[in-house]
Amino acid sequence: TRAIAALTLVGLIAGCSGDDDTDGTTPPTEVTDETTGDTTPQFTGTFPFGFIRPGPGLLSELSAGQQIGIDLAISDINDAGGIDGAEATLETAIEPAGDPGSAITELIDAGVYALIGPTSSSDAIAARPTLDADGAVACSASATAPAVTAPDPDDPELLSSVVRTALPDPFFASIVGDEIVARFDDPTAATVA
């Protein structure tokens, strides 16, 4: 679990918001490699992650477990020297029911570089317009619907602004279907919900 959480956070660094208007954080500066001429961001001060946490209800219990994993990952990142020497921190915004956009805006306005969440597939899909408008990317550890990461139907070249670490539903459905057939030795039709 620790490795997955750390990998998720590190992977989010690549999908950071391009907005440098931050409150209380130091925006990255460009460092040029003298040998290759390539530039990379150099973070100083803090590197804030943002967690889009659902409000009260069933999903808040799931996100409580995610919170533990995120805290462990941030601790591991900081124990290893941070991100280019910058301390990883976490800002959390509680998502009002069905309105992930307001939590995303709150976190971006707070200066986060990488967003974690939303928790549900429907909220991850609903978050895409806000993320696209802000030029941000979020990573969900629990959104499983195929539409979460599907290209925009109006612009197939536009990739999803939500990435995920959870496998999509059809993957699990085929495994569950195979298990039902094997366990009951009966290849008749079954519904996987």
N, C-alpha and C. Protein backbone atom coordinates (compact mmCIF):
# COMPACT_ATOMS: atom_id res chain seq x y z
N THR A 1 0.83 -1.20 0.00
CA THR A 1 0.00 0.00 0.00
C THR A 1 0.87 1.25 0.00
N ARG A 2 1.94 1.24 0.80
CA ARG A 2 2.82 2.40 0.85
C ARG A 2 3.44 2.69 -0.50
N ALA A 3 3.91 1.64 -1.16
CA ALA A 3 4.56 1.83 -2.46
C ALA A 3 3.58 2.37 -3.48
N ILE A 4 2.34 1.86 -3.47
CA ILE A 4 1.33 2.34 -4.42
C ILE A 4 1.01 3.80 -4.16
N ALA A 5 0.84 4.16 -2.89
CA ALA A 5 0.54 5.55 -2.55
C ALA A 5 1.68 6.47 -2.95
N ALA A 6 2.92 6.06 -2.69
CA ALA A 6 4.06 6.88 -3.06
C ALA A 6 4.15 7.01 -4.57
N LEU A 7 3.94 5.90 -5.29
CA LEU A 7 3.98 5.94 -6.74
C LEU A 7 2.90 6.86 -7.29
N THR A 8 1.72 6.82 -6.71
CA THR A 8 0.64 7.70 -7.15
C THR A 8 1.03 9.16 -6.99
N LEU A 9 1.59 9.50 -5.83
CA LEU A 9 1.98 10.89 -5.60
C LEU A 9 3.10 11.32 -6.53
N VAL A 10 4.08 10.46 -6.69
CA VAL A 10 5.19 10.81 -7.57
C VAL A 10 4.69 10.95 -9.01
N GLY A 11 3.77 10.06 -9.42
CA GLY A 11 3.20 10.16 -10.76
C GLY A 11 2.43 11.43 -10.96
N LEU A 12 1.83 11.94 -9.91
CA LEU A 12 1.07 13.19 -10.02
C LEU A 12 1.97 14.39 -10.31
N ILE A 13 3.22 14.30 -9.92
CA ILE A 13 4.13 15.41 -10.16
C ILE A 13 4.18 15.74 -11.65
N ALA A 14 4.11 14.70 -12.49
CA ALA A 14 4.15 14.92 -13.92
C ALA A 14 2.89 15.62 -14.44
N GLY A 15 1.80 15.56 -13.69
CA GLY A 15 0.55 16.16 -14.13
C GLY A 15 0.20 17.40 -13.34
N CYS A 16 1.20 18.13 -12.92
CA CYS A 16 0.97 19.31 -12.08
C CYS A 16 0.26 20.40 -12.86
N SER A 17 -0.44 21.24 -12.13
CA SER A 17 -1.09 22.40 -12.73
C SER A 17 -0.03 23.35 -13.23
N GLY A 18 -0.29 23.98 -14.36
CA GLY A 18 0.64 24.95 -14.91
C GLY A 18 0.45 26.33 -14.36
N ASP A 19 -0.47 26.53 -13.45
CA ASP A 19 -0.77 27.84 -12.89
C ASP A 19 0.23 28.18 -11.80
N ASP A 20 1.00 29.26 -11.98
CA ASP A 20 2.00 29.65 -11.01
C ASP A 20 1.50 30.67 -10.02
N ASP A 21 0.21 31.03 -10.05
CA ASP A 21 -0.34 31.96 -9.07
C ASP A 21 -0.68 31.18 -7.83
N THR A 22 0.25 31.17 -6.86
CA THR A 22 0.06 30.35 -5.68
C THR A 22 0.01 31.22 -4.44
N ASP A 23 -0.62 30.71 -3.41
CA ASP A 23 -0.70 31.39 -2.13
C ASP A 23 0.13 30.61 -1.13
N GLY A 24 1.25 31.16 -0.69
CA GLY A 24 2.05 30.53 0.34
C GLY A 24 2.97 29.44 -0.17
N THR A 25 3.06 29.23 -1.45
CA THR A 25 3.98 28.23 -1.98
C THR A 25 4.96 28.93 -2.91
N THR A 26 6.07 28.28 -3.16
CA THR A 26 7.07 28.84 -4.06
C THR A 26 6.94 28.15 -5.40
N PRO A 27 6.63 28.89 -6.46
CA PRO A 27 6.51 28.25 -7.77
C PRO A 27 7.86 27.69 -8.21
N PRO A 28 7.84 26.64 -9.03
CA PRO A 28 9.11 26.08 -9.48
C PRO A 28 9.86 27.05 -10.38
N THR A 29 11.16 26.97 -10.35
CA THR A 29 11.99 27.75 -11.27
C THR A 29 12.56 26.77 -12.29
N GLU A 30 12.95 27.27 -13.43
CA GLU A 30 13.53 26.42 -14.47
C GLU A 30 15.03 26.31 -14.26
N VAL A 31 15.53 25.08 -14.30
CA VAL A 31 16.96 24.82 -14.19
C VAL A 31 17.40 24.22 -15.52
N THR A 32 18.47 24.76 -16.09
CA THR A 32 18.95 24.29 -17.38
C THR A 32 20.18 23.41 -17.20
N ASP A 33 20.14 22.23 -17.81
CA ASP A 33 21.28 21.32 -17.81
C ASP A 33 22.30 21.87 -18.80
N GLU A 34 23.49 22.20 -18.33
CA GLU A 34 24.50 22.82 -19.18
C GLU A 34 24.98 21.90 -20.29
N THR A 35 24.91 20.59 -20.08
CA THR A 35 25.37 19.64 -21.07
C THR A 35 24.36 19.46 -22.21
N THR A 36 23.07 19.29 -21.83
CA THR A 36 22.05 18.99 -22.84
C THR A 36 21.23 20.21 -23.25
N GLY A 37 21.20 21.22 -22.39
CA GLY A 37 20.35 22.38 -22.66
C GLY A 37 18.91 22.17 -22.25
N ASP A 38 18.57 20.98 -21.73
CA ASP A 38 17.21 20.69 -21.29
C ASP A 38 16.90 21.46 -20.01
N THR A 39 15.64 21.89 -19.89
CA THR A 39 15.23 22.57 -18.66
C THR A 39 14.25 21.69 -17.90
N THR A 40 14.35 21.74 -16.58
CA THR A 40 13.45 21.01 -15.71
C THR A 40 13.03 21.93 -14.58
N PRO A 41 11.84 21.70 -14.00
CA PRO A 41 11.43 22.54 -12.87
C PRO A 41 12.23 22.20 -11.63
N GLN A 42 12.59 23.21 -10.87
CA GLN A 42 13.27 23.02 -9.59
C GLN A 42 12.37 23.61 -8.52
N PHE A 43 11.93 22.78 -7.59
CA PHE A 43 11.03 23.22 -6.55
C PHE A 43 11.82 23.62 -5.31
N THR A 44 11.41 24.70 -4.71
CA THR A 44 12.01 25.14 -3.45
C THR A 44 10.87 25.39 -2.46
N GLY A 45 11.17 25.36 -1.20
CA GLY A 45 10.11 25.60 -0.21
C GLY A 45 9.26 24.37 -0.05
N THR A 46 8.01 24.43 -0.51
CA THR A 46 7.10 23.30 -0.38
C THR A 46 6.54 22.89 -1.73
N PHE A 47 6.11 21.64 -1.80
CA PHE A 47 5.42 21.10 -2.97
C PHE A 47 4.07 20.61 -2.47
N PRO A 48 3.01 21.43 -2.59
CA PRO A 48 1.71 21.04 -2.03
C PRO A 48 0.90 20.13 -2.95
N PHE A 49 0.44 19.03 -2.38
CA PHE A 49 -0.52 18.14 -3.03
C PHE A 49 -1.90 18.54 -2.52
N GLY A 50 -2.93 18.28 -3.31
CA GLY A 50 -4.29 18.56 -2.88
C GLY A 50 -5.13 17.30 -2.94
N PHE A 51 -5.86 17.02 -1.87
CA PHE A 51 -6.73 15.84 -1.79
C PHE A 51 -8.18 16.28 -1.84
N ILE A 52 -8.90 15.82 -2.86
CA ILE A 52 -10.32 16.11 -3.02
C ILE A 52 -11.07 15.02 -2.25
N ARG A 53 -11.53 15.36 -1.07
CA ARG A 53 -12.15 14.36 -0.19
C ARG A 53 -13.66 14.54 -0.19
N PRO A 54 -14.41 13.43 -0.34
CA PRO A 54 -15.88 13.55 -0.34
C PRO A 54 -16.40 13.92 1.04
N GLY A 55 -17.59 14.53 1.04
CA GLY A 55 -18.26 14.87 2.29
C GLY A 55 -18.77 13.61 2.98
N PRO A 56 -19.58 13.78 4.03
CA PRO A 56 -20.09 12.64 4.80
C PRO A 56 -20.84 11.63 3.92
N GLY A 57 -20.69 10.37 4.28
CA GLY A 57 -21.36 9.31 3.55
C GLY A 57 -20.43 8.14 3.33
N LEU A 58 -20.87 7.19 2.52
CA LEU A 58 -20.13 5.96 2.28
C LEU A 58 -18.73 6.24 1.72
N LEU A 59 -18.64 7.16 0.78
CA LEU A 59 -17.35 7.44 0.17
C LEU A 59 -16.35 8.07 1.14
N SER A 60 -16.86 8.75 2.17
CA SER A 60 -15.93 9.35 3.13
C SER A 60 -15.17 8.26 3.89
N GLU A 61 -15.80 7.09 4.08
CA GLU A 61 -15.10 5.98 4.73
C GLU A 61 -13.99 5.45 3.83
N LEU A 62 -14.25 5.35 2.53
CA LEU A 62 -13.22 4.93 1.59
C LEU A 62 -12.09 5.94 1.56
N SER A 63 -12.43 7.22 1.55
CA SER A 63 -11.39 8.24 1.47
C SER A 63 -10.57 8.33 2.75
N ALA A 64 -11.12 7.86 3.87
CA ALA A 64 -10.34 7.84 5.11
C ALA A 64 -9.15 6.90 4.96
N GLY A 65 -9.36 5.77 4.32
CA GLY A 65 -8.26 4.85 4.03
C GLY A 65 -7.27 5.45 3.05
N GLN A 66 -7.79 6.16 2.05
CA GLN A 66 -6.91 6.82 1.10
C GLN A 66 -6.07 7.88 1.80
N GLN A 67 -6.69 8.59 2.74
CA GLN A 67 -5.97 9.62 3.50
C GLN A 67 -4.76 9.03 4.21
N ILE A 68 -4.92 7.85 4.79
CA ILE A 68 -3.81 7.19 5.47
C ILE A 68 -2.68 6.88 4.49
N GLY A 69 -3.03 6.36 3.32
CA GLY A 69 -2.03 6.07 2.29
C GLY A 69 -1.33 7.31 1.80
N ILE A 70 -2.08 8.40 1.62
CA ILE A 70 -1.48 9.66 1.17
C ILE A 70 -0.53 10.19 2.23
N ASP A 71 -0.96 10.15 3.49
CA ASP A 71 -0.08 10.62 4.57
C ASP A 71 1.21 9.82 4.62
N LEU A 72 1.12 8.50 4.47
CA LEU A 72 2.31 7.66 4.45
C LEU A 72 3.22 8.01 3.27
N ALA A 73 2.62 8.22 2.09
CA ALA A 73 3.41 8.55 0.91
C ALA A 73 4.12 9.89 1.08
N ILE A 74 3.43 10.87 1.61
CA ILE A 74 4.06 12.18 1.83
C ILE A 74 5.20 12.06 2.84
N SER A 75 4.98 11.26 3.88
CA SER A 75 6.04 11.03 4.86
C SER A 75 7.25 10.37 4.20
N ASP A 76 7.00 9.36 3.36
CA ASP A 76 8.09 8.68 2.65
C ASP A 76 8.83 9.64 1.72
N ILE A 77 8.09 10.46 1.00
CA ILE A 77 8.71 11.43 0.09
C ILE A 77 9.61 12.39 0.88
N ASN A 78 9.09 12.90 1.99
CA ASN A 78 9.87 13.84 2.79
C ASN A 78 11.07 13.16 3.46
N ASP A 79 10.89 11.92 3.90
CA ASP A 79 12.01 11.17 4.49
C ASP A 79 13.13 10.94 3.48
N ALA A 80 12.76 10.88 2.20
CA ALA A 80 13.74 10.67 1.13
C ALA A 80 14.31 11.99 0.62
N GLY A 81 14.00 13.11 1.27
CA GLY A 81 14.57 14.39 0.87
C GLY A 81 13.61 15.31 0.16
N GLY A 82 12.34 14.91 0.04
CA GLY A 82 11.35 15.76 -0.60
C GLY A 82 11.39 15.67 -2.11
N ILE A 83 10.84 16.66 -2.75
CA ILE A 83 10.79 16.72 -4.21
C ILE A 83 11.76 17.82 -4.63
N ASP A 84 12.90 17.40 -5.16
CA ASP A 84 13.97 18.35 -5.47
C ASP A 84 14.28 19.23 -4.27
N GLY A 85 14.24 18.64 -3.09
CA GLY A 85 14.54 19.37 -1.86
C GLY A 85 13.36 20.10 -1.25
N ALA A 86 12.25 20.17 -1.96
CA ALA A 86 11.06 20.85 -1.43
C ALA A 86 10.25 19.86 -0.59
N GLU A 87 9.75 20.32 0.54
CA GLU A 87 8.93 19.48 1.41
C GLU A 87 7.55 19.27 0.80
N ALA A 88 7.12 18.00 0.72
CA ALA A 88 5.77 17.69 0.25
C ALA A 88 4.79 17.98 1.37
N THR A 89 3.70 18.68 1.05
CA THR A 89 2.65 18.99 2.02
C THR A 89 1.31 18.58 1.43
N LEU A 90 0.28 18.58 2.26
CA LEU A 90 -1.05 18.18 1.79
C LEU A 90 -2.10 19.18 2.22
N GLU A 91 -2.86 19.64 1.25
CA GLU A 91 -4.05 20.45 1.48
C GLU A 91 -5.25 19.56 1.18
N THR A 92 -6.30 19.67 1.97
CA THR A 92 -7.50 18.87 1.75
C THR A 92 -8.70 19.79 1.57
N ALA A 93 -9.53 19.47 0.58
CA ALA A 93 -10.79 20.19 0.38
C ALA A 93 -11.92 19.17 0.40
N ILE A 94 -12.93 19.43 1.20
CA ILE A 94 -14.09 18.55 1.26
C ILE A 94 -15.00 18.90 0.08
N GLU A 95 -15.32 17.87 -0.68
CA GLU A 95 -16.16 18.05 -1.87
C GLU A 95 -17.63 18.04 -1.49
N PRO A 96 -18.34 19.13 -1.78
CA PRO A 96 -19.79 19.09 -1.58
C PRO A 96 -20.38 18.01 -2.50
N ALA A 97 -21.43 17.37 -2.07
CA ALA A 97 -22.03 16.27 -2.84
C ALA A 97 -22.24 16.66 -4.29
N GLY A 98 -21.63 15.89 -5.18
CA GLY A 98 -21.83 16.08 -6.61
C GLY A 98 -21.19 17.32 -7.20
N ASP A 99 -20.31 18.00 -6.45
CA ASP A 99 -19.69 19.23 -6.96
C ASP A 99 -18.18 19.21 -6.75
N PRO A 100 -17.48 18.31 -7.49
CA PRO A 100 -16.03 18.26 -7.32
C PRO A 100 -15.34 19.53 -7.78
N GLY A 101 -15.98 20.28 -8.68
CA GLY A 101 -15.37 21.50 -9.22
C GLY A 101 -15.04 22.52 -8.15
N SER A 102 -15.90 22.66 -7.15
CA SER A 102 -15.63 23.66 -6.11
C SER A 102 -14.43 23.26 -5.27
N ALA A 103 -14.27 21.96 -4.97
CA ALA A 103 -13.10 21.50 -4.21
C ALA A 103 -11.83 21.67 -5.03
N ILE A 104 -11.90 21.38 -6.33
CA ILE A 104 -10.74 21.54 -7.20
C ILE A 104 -10.32 23.00 -7.26
N THR A 105 -11.29 23.89 -7.45
CA THR A 105 -10.98 25.33 -7.50
C THR A 105 -10.36 25.79 -6.19
N GLU A 106 -10.91 25.32 -5.06
CA GLU A 106 -10.36 25.68 -3.75
C GLU A 106 -8.89 25.26 -3.63
N LEU A 107 -8.57 24.04 -4.08
CA LEU A 107 -7.21 23.54 -3.98
C LEU A 107 -6.26 24.27 -4.93
N ILE A 108 -6.71 24.51 -6.14
CA ILE A 108 -5.87 25.23 -7.10
C ILE A 108 -5.62 26.65 -6.60
N ASP A 109 -6.66 27.29 -6.07
CA ASP A 109 -6.49 28.64 -5.50
C ASP A 109 -5.53 28.63 -4.31
N ALA A 110 -5.43 27.49 -3.61
CA ALA A 110 -4.51 27.38 -2.47
C ALA A 110 -3.08 27.11 -2.94
N GLY A 111 -2.90 26.90 -4.24
CA GLY A 111 -1.56 26.75 -4.79
C GLY A 111 -1.04 25.34 -4.91
N VAL A 112 -1.93 24.33 -4.91
CA VAL A 112 -1.44 22.95 -5.03
C VAL A 112 -0.89 22.70 -6.43
N TYR A 113 0.08 21.80 -6.50
CA TYR A 113 0.68 21.42 -7.78
C TYR A 113 0.11 20.13 -8.34
N ALA A 114 -0.42 19.26 -7.47
CA ALA A 114 -0.91 17.96 -7.91
C ALA A 114 -2.18 17.62 -7.12
N LEU A 115 -3.19 17.14 -7.83
CA LEU A 115 -4.49 16.83 -7.22
C LEU A 115 -4.71 15.33 -7.11
N ILE A 116 -5.22 14.89 -5.95
CA ILE A 116 -5.54 13.50 -5.71
C ILE A 116 -7.05 13.40 -5.52
N GLY A 117 -7.70 12.55 -6.31
CA GLY A 117 -9.14 12.40 -6.25
C GLY A 117 -9.73 12.75 -7.61
N PRO A 118 -11.00 12.85 -7.71
CA PRO A 118 -12.08 12.52 -6.79
C PRO A 118 -12.17 11.02 -6.52
N THR A 119 -12.96 10.69 -5.50
CA THR A 119 -13.08 9.31 -5.06
C THR A 119 -13.98 8.49 -5.97
N SER A 120 -15.13 9.02 -6.37
CA SER A 120 -16.08 8.23 -7.17
C SER A 120 -15.88 8.48 -8.66
N SER A 121 -16.32 7.51 -9.45
CA SER A 121 -16.25 7.65 -10.91
C SER A 121 -17.11 8.81 -11.40
N SER A 122 -18.33 8.94 -10.87
CA SER A 122 -19.21 10.02 -11.34
C SER A 122 -18.61 11.39 -11.02
N ASP A 123 -17.98 11.52 -9.86
CA ASP A 123 -17.36 12.81 -9.52
C ASP A 123 -16.10 13.05 -10.35
N ALA A 124 -15.36 11.99 -10.66
CA ALA A 124 -14.18 12.14 -11.50
C ALA A 124 -14.57 12.62 -12.90
N ILE A 125 -15.66 12.07 -13.42
CA ILE A 125 -16.15 12.49 -14.74
C ILE A 125 -16.64 13.94 -14.67
N ALA A 126 -17.38 14.27 -13.60
CA ALA A 126 -17.89 15.63 -13.44
C ALA A 126 -16.77 16.64 -13.23
N ALA A 127 -15.62 16.19 -12.74
CA ALA A 127 -14.49 17.09 -12.48
C ALA A 127 -13.75 17.50 -13.74
N ARG A 128 -13.88 16.74 -14.80
CA ARG A 128 -13.08 16.98 -16.00
C ARG A 128 -13.21 18.39 -16.56
N PRO A 129 -14.41 18.98 -16.68
CA PRO A 129 -14.48 20.34 -17.23
C PRO A 129 -13.71 21.37 -16.39
N THR A 130 -13.80 21.25 -15.06
CA THR A 130 -13.07 22.19 -14.20
C THR A 130 -11.57 21.99 -14.34
N LEU A 131 -11.13 20.74 -14.36
CA LEU A 131 -9.71 20.45 -14.53
C LEU A 131 -9.21 20.97 -15.87
N ASP A 132 -9.98 20.71 -16.94
CA ASP A 132 -9.59 21.19 -18.27
C ASP A 132 -9.48 22.71 -18.29
N ALA A 133 -10.45 23.39 -17.69
CA ALA A 133 -10.45 24.86 -17.69
C ALA A 133 -9.26 25.42 -16.92
N ASP A 134 -8.83 24.70 -15.86
CA ASP A 134 -7.70 25.16 -15.05
C ASP A 134 -6.36 24.63 -15.54
N GLY A 135 -6.38 23.78 -16.58
CA GLY A 135 -5.14 23.19 -17.07
C GLY A 135 -4.51 22.26 -16.06
N ALA A 136 -5.34 21.58 -15.26
CA ALA A 136 -4.86 20.71 -14.19
C ALA A 136 -5.17 19.25 -14.50
N VAL A 137 -4.51 18.36 -13.77
CA VAL A 137 -4.74 16.93 -13.88
C VAL A 137 -4.93 16.40 -12.47
N ALA A 138 -5.85 15.45 -12.31
CA ALA A 138 -6.08 14.81 -11.02
C ALA A 138 -5.87 13.31 -11.19
N CYS A 139 -5.47 12.66 -10.11
CA CYS A 139 -5.29 11.21 -10.11
C CYS A 139 -6.22 10.61 -9.07
N SER A 140 -7.09 9.71 -9.51
CA SER A 140 -8.02 9.04 -8.60
C SER A 140 -7.54 7.62 -8.33
N ALA A 141 -7.59 7.23 -7.08
CA ALA A 141 -7.20 5.87 -6.70
C ALA A 141 -8.39 4.93 -6.67
N SER A 142 -9.59 5.43 -6.94
CA SER A 142 -10.76 4.57 -6.79
C SER A 142 -11.81 4.72 -7.89
N ALA A 143 -11.65 5.64 -8.82
CA ALA A 143 -12.62 5.79 -9.91
C ALA A 143 -12.38 4.68 -10.94
N THR A 144 -13.40 3.87 -11.22
CA THR A 144 -13.21 2.69 -12.06
C THR A 144 -14.00 2.69 -13.37
N ALA A 145 -14.93 3.62 -13.56
CA ALA A 145 -15.74 3.63 -14.79
C ALA A 145 -14.85 3.93 -16.00
N PRO A 146 -15.06 3.23 -17.11
CA PRO A 146 -14.24 3.48 -18.30
C PRO A 146 -14.28 4.94 -18.76
N ALA A 147 -15.40 5.63 -18.57
CA ALA A 147 -15.52 7.02 -19.03
C ALA A 147 -14.60 7.98 -18.28
N VAL A 148 -14.07 7.56 -17.13
CA VAL A 148 -13.18 8.44 -16.35
C VAL A 148 -11.97 8.85 -17.18
N THR A 149 -11.39 7.90 -17.90
CA THR A 149 -10.17 8.19 -18.66
C THR A 149 -10.38 8.18 -20.17
N ALA A 150 -11.62 8.10 -20.60
CA ALA A 150 -11.90 8.11 -22.04
C ALA A 150 -11.62 9.49 -22.62
N PRO A 151 -11.17 9.54 -23.89
CA PRO A 151 -10.98 10.85 -24.53
C PRO A 151 -12.29 11.62 -24.61
N ASP A 152 -12.19 12.91 -24.70
CA ASP A 152 -13.36 13.78 -24.83
C ASP A 152 -14.08 13.44 -26.13
N PRO A 153 -15.38 13.10 -26.08
CA PRO A 153 -16.10 12.73 -27.31
C PRO A 153 -16.17 13.87 -28.32
N ASP A 154 -16.15 15.12 -27.84
CA ASP A 154 -16.20 16.26 -28.76
C ASP A 154 -14.83 16.59 -29.34
N ASP A 155 -13.76 16.12 -28.69
CA ASP A 155 -12.40 16.37 -29.15
C ASP A 155 -11.55 15.15 -28.82
N PRO A 156 -11.58 14.13 -29.70
CA PRO A 156 -10.89 12.87 -29.42
C PRO A 156 -9.38 13.02 -29.18
N GLU A 157 -8.79 14.12 -29.63
CA GLU A 157 -7.36 14.34 -29.39
C GLU A 157 -7.09 14.80 -27.96
N LEU A 158 -8.14 15.27 -27.26
CA LEU A 158 -8.00 15.75 -25.89
C LEU A 158 -8.08 14.57 -24.94
N LEU A 159 -6.97 14.28 -24.28
CA LEU A 159 -6.95 13.18 -23.32
C LEU A 159 -7.65 13.60 -22.05
N SER A 160 -8.02 12.62 -21.25
CA SER A 160 -8.70 12.90 -20.00
C SER A 160 -7.79 13.64 -19.04
N SER A 161 -8.37 14.57 -18.30
CA SER A 161 -7.62 15.31 -17.28
C SER A 161 -7.65 14.56 -15.95
N VAL A 162 -8.22 13.35 -15.95
CA VAL A 162 -8.21 12.49 -14.77
C VAL A 162 -7.47 11.21 -15.15
N VAL A 163 -6.48 10.88 -14.37
CA VAL A 163 -5.80 9.59 -14.50
C VAL A 163 -6.17 8.78 -13.27
N ARG A 164 -5.88 7.51 -13.29
CA ARG A 164 -6.29 6.69 -12.15
C ARG A 164 -5.28 5.59 -11.90
N THR A 165 -5.30 5.10 -10.67
CA THR A 165 -4.48 3.95 -10.32
C THR A 165 -5.33 2.69 -10.21
N ALA A 166 -6.65 2.84 -10.16
CA ALA A 166 -7.57 1.69 -10.09
C ALA A 166 -7.82 1.17 -11.51
N LEU A 167 -7.93 -0.13 -11.63
CA LEU A 167 -8.24 -0.72 -12.93
C LEU A 167 -9.71 -0.48 -13.26
N PRO A 168 -10.05 -0.38 -14.56
CA PRO A 168 -11.44 -0.11 -14.95
C PRO A 168 -12.36 -1.31 -14.70
N ASP A 169 -13.65 -0.99 -14.55
CA ASP A 169 -14.67 -2.00 -14.25
C ASP A 169 -14.65 -3.22 -15.18
N PRO A 170 -14.53 -3.05 -16.51
CA PRO A 170 -14.57 -4.24 -17.37
C PRO A 170 -13.47 -5.25 -17.04
N PHE A 171 -12.33 -4.78 -16.58
CA PHE A 171 -11.25 -5.69 -16.20
C PHE A 171 -11.69 -6.59 -15.06
N PHE A 172 -12.27 -5.98 -14.02
CA PHE A 172 -12.73 -6.75 -12.87
C PHE A 172 -13.91 -7.64 -13.22
N ALA A 173 -14.79 -7.17 -14.09
CA ALA A 173 -15.96 -7.96 -14.46
C ALA A 173 -15.55 -9.27 -15.11
N SER A 174 -14.51 -9.23 -15.95
CA SER A 174 -14.09 -10.46 -16.61
C SER A 174 -13.47 -11.43 -15.60
N ILE A 175 -12.74 -10.91 -14.62
CA ILE A 175 -12.15 -11.77 -13.59
C ILE A 175 -13.25 -12.39 -12.72
N VAL A 176 -14.22 -11.59 -12.32
CA VAL A 176 -15.32 -12.10 -11.49
C VAL A 176 -16.12 -13.13 -12.28
N GLY A 177 -16.38 -12.85 -13.56
CA GLY A 177 -17.11 -13.81 -14.40
C GLY A 177 -16.37 -15.13 -14.51
N ASP A 178 -15.06 -15.08 -14.73
CA ASP A 178 -14.26 -16.31 -14.81
C ASP A 178 -14.30 -17.06 -13.48
N GLU A 179 -14.24 -16.34 -12.37
CA GLU A 179 -14.27 -16.96 -11.05
C GLU A 179 -15.61 -17.65 -10.79
N ILE A 180 -16.71 -17.01 -11.21
CA ILE A 180 -18.03 -17.61 -11.03
C ILE A 180 -18.13 -18.91 -11.82
N VAL A 181 -17.67 -18.88 -13.07
CA VAL A 181 -17.72 -20.09 -13.89
C VAL A 181 -16.86 -21.19 -13.27
N ALA A 182 -15.66 -20.84 -12.81
CA ALA A 182 -14.75 -21.84 -12.23
C ALA A 182 -15.28 -22.39 -10.91
N ARG A 183 -15.80 -21.52 -10.07
CA ARG A 183 -16.24 -21.93 -8.73
C ARG A 183 -17.48 -22.81 -8.79
N PHE A 184 -18.40 -22.50 -9.70
CA PHE A 184 -19.65 -23.24 -9.76
C PHE A 184 -19.68 -24.27 -10.88
N ASP A 185 -18.57 -24.36 -11.62
CA ASP A 185 -18.44 -25.30 -12.72
C ASP A 185 -19.67 -25.26 -13.63
N ASP A 186 -20.11 -24.04 -13.92
CA ASP A 186 -21.32 -23.88 -14.73
C ASP A 186 -21.11 -22.63 -15.61
N PRO A 187 -20.92 -22.83 -16.91
CA PRO A 187 -20.65 -21.70 -17.80
C PRO A 187 -21.89 -20.94 -18.26
N THR A 188 -22.99 -20.98 -17.50
CA THR A 188 -24.18 -20.25 -17.88
C THR A 188 -24.00 -18.77 -17.59
N ALA A 189 -24.87 -17.96 -18.12
CA ALA A 189 -24.76 -16.50 -18.01
C ALA A 189 -24.90 -16.06 -16.56
N ALA A 190 -24.17 -15.01 -16.23
CA ALA A 190 -24.25 -14.41 -14.90
C ALA A 190 -24.17 -12.90 -15.06
N THR A 191 -24.77 -12.20 -14.12
CA THR A 191 -24.69 -10.74 -14.13
C THR A 191 -23.68 -10.31 -13.09
N VAL A 192 -22.76 -9.47 -13.48
CA VAL A 192 -21.77 -8.93 -12.57
C VAL A 192 -22.10 -7.46 -12.38
N ALA A 193 -22.43 -7.08 -11.16
CA ALA A 193 -22.80 -5.68 -10.90
C ALA A 193 -21.81 -5.04 -9.99
